[in-house]
Amino acid sequence: MAGLSMQTMAQAPSMTVVARDGRRPLAVTSINNQDYVSVDDINAAFGTTAREDRLAGGLTITARGRSIVLTENQNVVSVAGRLTTLPAPPLRRDGRWYVPADFLPRALSSALDVRLDWRRSARLLIVGDLRVPRVVARVDAGTTNVAVTFELTPFTDTRVNPQPGRLIVQFDADALDLSIPLLPSQTFVTGIAPGDTANTIAMTLGPRTASHRVTTTQADAGTGRITIDLLPATTDTAPAPAPAPPSAAPDTRLVIPTLGPSTGLRTVVIDPGHGGEELGAQGASGTLEKEVTLSVARRLRTLIESRLGLKVFLTREDDRAMSLDDRSAFANNHHADVFLSIHANTAVRPALKGAEVYYLTVERADAEARRRADENATTLPALGGGSRAIDLILWETAQARHLEQSATLAGMIEQALRPRVEMSPRAIQQAPFRVLVGANMPAALVEIGYLSNAEQETQLASASYQDHVAQALLEALMKFREFIEH
């Protein structure tokens, strides 16, 4: 390991140490593509001391009377007599000792008896029990408004304070682990940046924003989100909608008024297909199904929440893998009234194109499957005496009792999509998709186009096409709500 070349050792972005008494930088060096921190800098930042044993090739760091013993090029260190494994070994370079960044939470934290939380992606080292939620910002631009959503993990109380030309979003936290995306082209918000204090975000408003509306959704104690809809003046004339794909009929979208929550359709679960190592279909230009489906799902969620006032959950909020059964189980656990799974198609023949809508084909006769679904009940003793009947729905027959409504939902989706995007010659079909099997509510799967077709790959990657799809699905849900409530 001796004699490193210049290419293997370089300065890396520093980390920020966030403590009760303030923030300070801590230098980071990249060695063999790993983040390392020098022991000298650790001593200065945390008040530790170090003593080198050149004969043994080791170093002893003393922290609050506890010893951490390191050996050069060995991944195992001793912390007060207990062995701890590091992801990379301590190194000695040019007379200085370096330890991997994970040394801080894995070894130094125990010696100091202080919590050290290393947030690698945000380059934050959090000292002590500070409240530093992960805040991921997302901006969804529509033709008549822009929605800025902040995903919070863990959930924390939030206030939005208007100021001239901007909104200040204040979180009940000591600091923020913040991720801000690039802003899409629009005139509602021109900037999103950390605020003047460690627990605020400043949104600079564009000329088109006249008012805003705040919606808070808490999925559970651990996660939640706040959505800020930036709205134009009521007399503002919206720009012309993006043109429909060349082969589609003219766009006939209606302005959908904001409606209150309903009693028949309260919760929608949207399933962005694939994720993580499961890329899904991939276009010749590199467009990935997993990214397109997540983008469409986010746009649809924003529309549903802001215009229908329903609860909306995504089976995945980011790029992660999830089994097919877990996706429908997620919908069941959240008591969804509708389950929509969004995908993009691929085919050997590149000429194939068009959106398709599916609902489940149940193996064996449909009537038999529905009969089995309805017959699975048992009687359990009730608290205080007596008994009550409990439905026990077999996983393989959960969707069977909802087939008629699922077929209706699929038909409404097809009708809403047809004026907006090109449809396949077989626009509505039945298929034995596993992701629909265990869904205990009306459910449909939408293939929004073919990534294997060059023209459609370009469309699927565009914001305008994704908006067309999201608007169509919103309209279909509105019609389906009317159907089940009357």
Foldseek 3Di string as FASTA:
>chain_A
DPDDDPVQKAWDDWFWEQEPVGIDTFTWIGGNNFTKGWVVSVCVVQVWDKDDDVVQQWMWIAAPNWIWIFHAFAQWIATSNDIWGHPGHWHADPNIIIDTPVCCQGHVCVRNVWHWDQDPVLRYTYTHPWFEWEWEWDWADDQFWIKIKIKTFADFDWDWDDDVQKIKIFTPTQAYSYHYDDDDDDFAWDDWAADPHRGIIITGGGPFFDDKDWDKAHPDNGIIMIMIIGGGPPPDDTDDADAFPPVAAGDPFDDAAAEAEDPQFAEEEEEQPFFDPGQADAAPVGDTFSVLSLSLLVNLCVCCCGRHVHHYHYLDNHGDGDDLQSRLVVCVVSVGQEYEYETAAADPDLVFKFKAKEDADQPDDLVVLLVVQVPQKDWDADPPGDIDIDRDGDQQSLCSVCRVLLQLLRVQLLVLLRNRHGHGPNRYYYYHDSSNRRHNHRYMYMHGMYSSHVVVVVLSPDSSNSNSSSSSNSRSVVVSSVVRVD
